[in-house]
């Protein structure tokens, strides 16, 4: 993986974490926590999308994939936190 691809992946993950923090009210992770959840969610989203046979080509598709993973991880963490 090139440095540019890694930086783009991290930026998409950060954006997905920020968006998931906006969409899921009361998540309670704070800005830094939401950004970390976004990066981990991007990895999770890419893994799940590959499992079901989908791939994300293009920036918008990658953002949607990462957002789905971040939202799933946010809901999972909220469930475990309670």
C-alpha atoms as a PDB file:
ATOM      1  CA  UNK A   1       0.000   0.000   0.000  1.00  0.00           C
ATOM      2  CA  UNK A   2       1.436   3.353  -0.981  1.00  0.00           C
ATOM      3  CA  UNK A   3       1.679   6.308   1.345  1.00  0.00           C
ATOM      4  CA  UNK A   4      -0.937   8.210  -0.660  1.00  0.00           C
ATOM      5  CA  UNK A   5      -3.399   5.322  -0.424  1.00  0.00           C
ATOM      6  CA  UNK A   6      -2.833   5.014   3.311  1.00  0.00           C
ATOM      7  CA  UNK A   7      -3.375   8.750   3.866  1.00  0.00           C
ATOM      8  CA  UNK A   8      -6.557   8.649   1.757  1.00  0.00           C
ATOM      9  CA  UNK A   9      -7.810   5.625   3.708  1.00  0.00           C
ATOM     10  CA  UNK A  10      -7.197   7.387   7.021  1.00  0.00           C
ATOM     11  CA  UNK A  11      -8.907  10.575   5.821  1.00  0.00           C
ATOM     12  CA  UNK A  12     -11.947   8.633   4.631  1.00  0.00           C
ATOM     13  CA  UNK A  13     -12.055   6.796   7.965  1.00  0.00           C
ATOM     14  CA  UNK A  14     -11.831  10.067   9.882  1.00  0.00           C
ATOM     15  CA  UNK A  15     -14.640  11.560   7.808  1.00  0.00           C
ATOM     16  CA  UNK A  16     -16.777   8.450   8.353  1.00  0.00           C
ATOM     17  CA  UNK A  17     -16.197   8.620  12.099  1.00  0.00           C
ATOM     18  CA  UNK A  18     -17.151  12.274  12.200  1.00  0.00           C
ATOM     19  CA  UNK A  19     -20.310  11.596  10.159  1.00  0.00           C
ATOM     20  CA  UNK A  20     -21.284   8.634  12.319  1.00  0.00           C
ATOM     21  CA  UNK A  21     -20.883  10.836  15.390  1.00  0.00           C
ATOM     22  CA  UNK A  22     -23.288  13.328  13.839  1.00  0.00           C
ATOM     23  CA  UNK A  23     -25.803  10.683  12.762  1.00  0.00           C
ATOM     24  CA  UNK A  24     -25.855   8.695  16.013  1.00  0.00           C
ATOM     25  CA  UNK A  25     -26.866  11.046  18.768  1.00  0.00           C
ATOM     26  CA  UNK A  26     -25.698  10.304  22.281  1.00  0.00           C
ATOM     27  CA  UNK A  27     -22.842   8.008  21.285  1.00  0.00           C
ATOM     28  CA  UNK A  28     -20.688   9.655  23.958  1.00  0.00           C
ATOM     29  CA  UNK A  29     -17.288   8.902  22.391  1.00  0.00           C
ATOM     30  CA  UNK A  30     -16.286  12.516  21.765  1.00  0.00           C
ATOM     31  CA  UNK A  31     -14.530  13.808  18.686  1.00  0.00           C
ATOM     32  CA  UNK A  32     -11.360  11.753  19.113  1.00  0.00           C
ATOM     33  CA  UNK A  33     -13.292   8.589  19.925  1.00  0.00           C
ATOM     34  CA  UNK A  34     -15.565   9.038  16.915  1.00  0.00           C
ATOM     35  CA  UNK A  35     -12.554   9.513  14.648  1.00  0.00           C
ATOM     36  CA  UNK A  36     -10.940   6.327  15.966  1.00  0.00           C
ATOM     37  CA  UNK A  37     -14.240   4.480  15.543  1.00  0.00           C
ATOM     38  CA  UNK A  38     -14.356   5.801  11.967  1.00  0.00           C
ATOM     39  CA  UNK A  39     -10.936   4.430  11.054  1.00  0.00           C
ATOM     40  CA  UNK A  40     -11.697   1.049  12.630  1.00  0.00           C
ATOM     41  CA  UNK A  41     -15.163   1.144  11.038  1.00  0.00           C
ATOM     42  CA  UNK A  42     -13.601   1.755   7.631  1.00  0.00           C
ATOM     43  CA  UNK A  43     -11.600  -1.430   8.020  1.00  0.00           C
ATOM     44  CA  UNK A  44     -14.704  -3.290   9.224  1.00  0.00           C
ATOM     45  CA  UNK A  45     -16.841  -1.881   6.396  1.00  0.00           C
ATOM     46  CA  UNK A  46     -14.312  -2.874   3.739  1.00  0.00           C
ATOM     47  CA  UNK A  47     -14.124  -6.377   5.196  1.00  0.00           C
ATOM     48  CA  UNK A  48     -17.908  -6.816   5.298  1.00  0.00           C
ATOM     49  CA  UNK A  49     -18.382  -5.406   1.805  1.00  0.00           C
ATOM     50  CA  UNK A  50     -15.791  -7.852   0.447  1.00  0.00           C
ATOM     51  CA  UNK A  51     -17.511 -10.735   2.251  1.00  0.00           C
ATOM     52  CA  UNK A  52     -20.795 -10.022   0.496  1.00  0.00           C
ATOM     53  CA  UNK A  53     -19.090  -9.509  -2.859  1.00  0.00           C
ATOM     54  CA  UNK A  54     -19.177  -5.722  -3.131  1.00  0.00           C
ATOM     55  CA  UNK A  55     -16.263  -3.410  -3.716  1.00  0.00           C
ATOM     56  CA  UNK A  56     -15.940   0.326  -3.311  1.00  0.00           C
ATOM     57  CA  UNK A  57     -14.400   2.138  -6.281  1.00  0.00           C
ATOM     58  CA  UNK A  58     -14.173   5.888  -6.044  1.00  0.00           C
ATOM     59  CA  UNK A  59     -14.053   8.287  -3.154  1.00  0.00           C
ATOM     60  CA  UNK A  60     -17.807   8.485  -2.535  1.00  0.00           C
ATOM     61  CA  UNK A  61     -18.180   4.693  -2.542  1.00  0.00           C
ATOM     62  CA  UNK A  62     -15.281   4.349  -0.125  1.00  0.00           C
ATOM     63  CA  UNK A  63     -16.846   6.948   2.159  1.00  0.00           C
ATOM     64  CA  UNK A  64     -20.184   5.113   2.115  1.00  0.00           C
ATOM     65  CA  UNK A  65     -18.445   1.804   2.860  1.00  0.00           C
ATOM     66  CA  UNK A  66     -16.514   3.355   5.733  1.00  0.00           C
ATOM     67  CA  UNK A  67     -19.637   5.076   7.051  1.00  0.00           C
ATOM     68  CA  UNK A  68     -21.571   1.802   7.097  1.00  0.00           C
ATOM     69  CA  UNK A  69     -18.743   0.168   9.048  1.00  0.00           C
ATOM     70  CA  UNK A  70     -18.439   3.121  11.437  1.00  0.00           C
ATOM     71  CA  UNK A  71     -22.186   3.166  12.088  1.00  0.00           C
ATOM     72  CA  UNK A  72     -22.218  -0.571  12.738  1.00  0.00           C
ATOM     73  CA  UNK A  73     -19.272  -0.265  15.100  1.00  0.00           C
ATOM     74  CA  UNK A  74     -20.849   2.736  16.866  1.00  0.00           C
ATOM     75  CA  UNK A  75     -24.089   0.846  17.483  1.00  0.00           C
ATOM     76  CA  UNK A  76     -22.145  -2.225  18.623  1.00  0.00           C
ATOM     77  CA  UNK A  77     -20.083  -0.161  21.064  1.00  0.00           C
ATOM     78  CA  UNK A  78     -23.198   1.585  22.380  1.00  0.00           C
ATOM     79  CA  UNK A  79     -24.792  -1.816  22.964  1.00  0.00           C
ATOM     80  CA  UNK A  80     -21.710  -3.134  24.799  1.00  0.00           C
ATOM     81  CA  UNK A  81     -21.294   0.108  26.762  1.00  0.00           C
ATOM     82  CA  UNK A  82     -24.768  -0.243  28.331  1.00  0.00           C
END
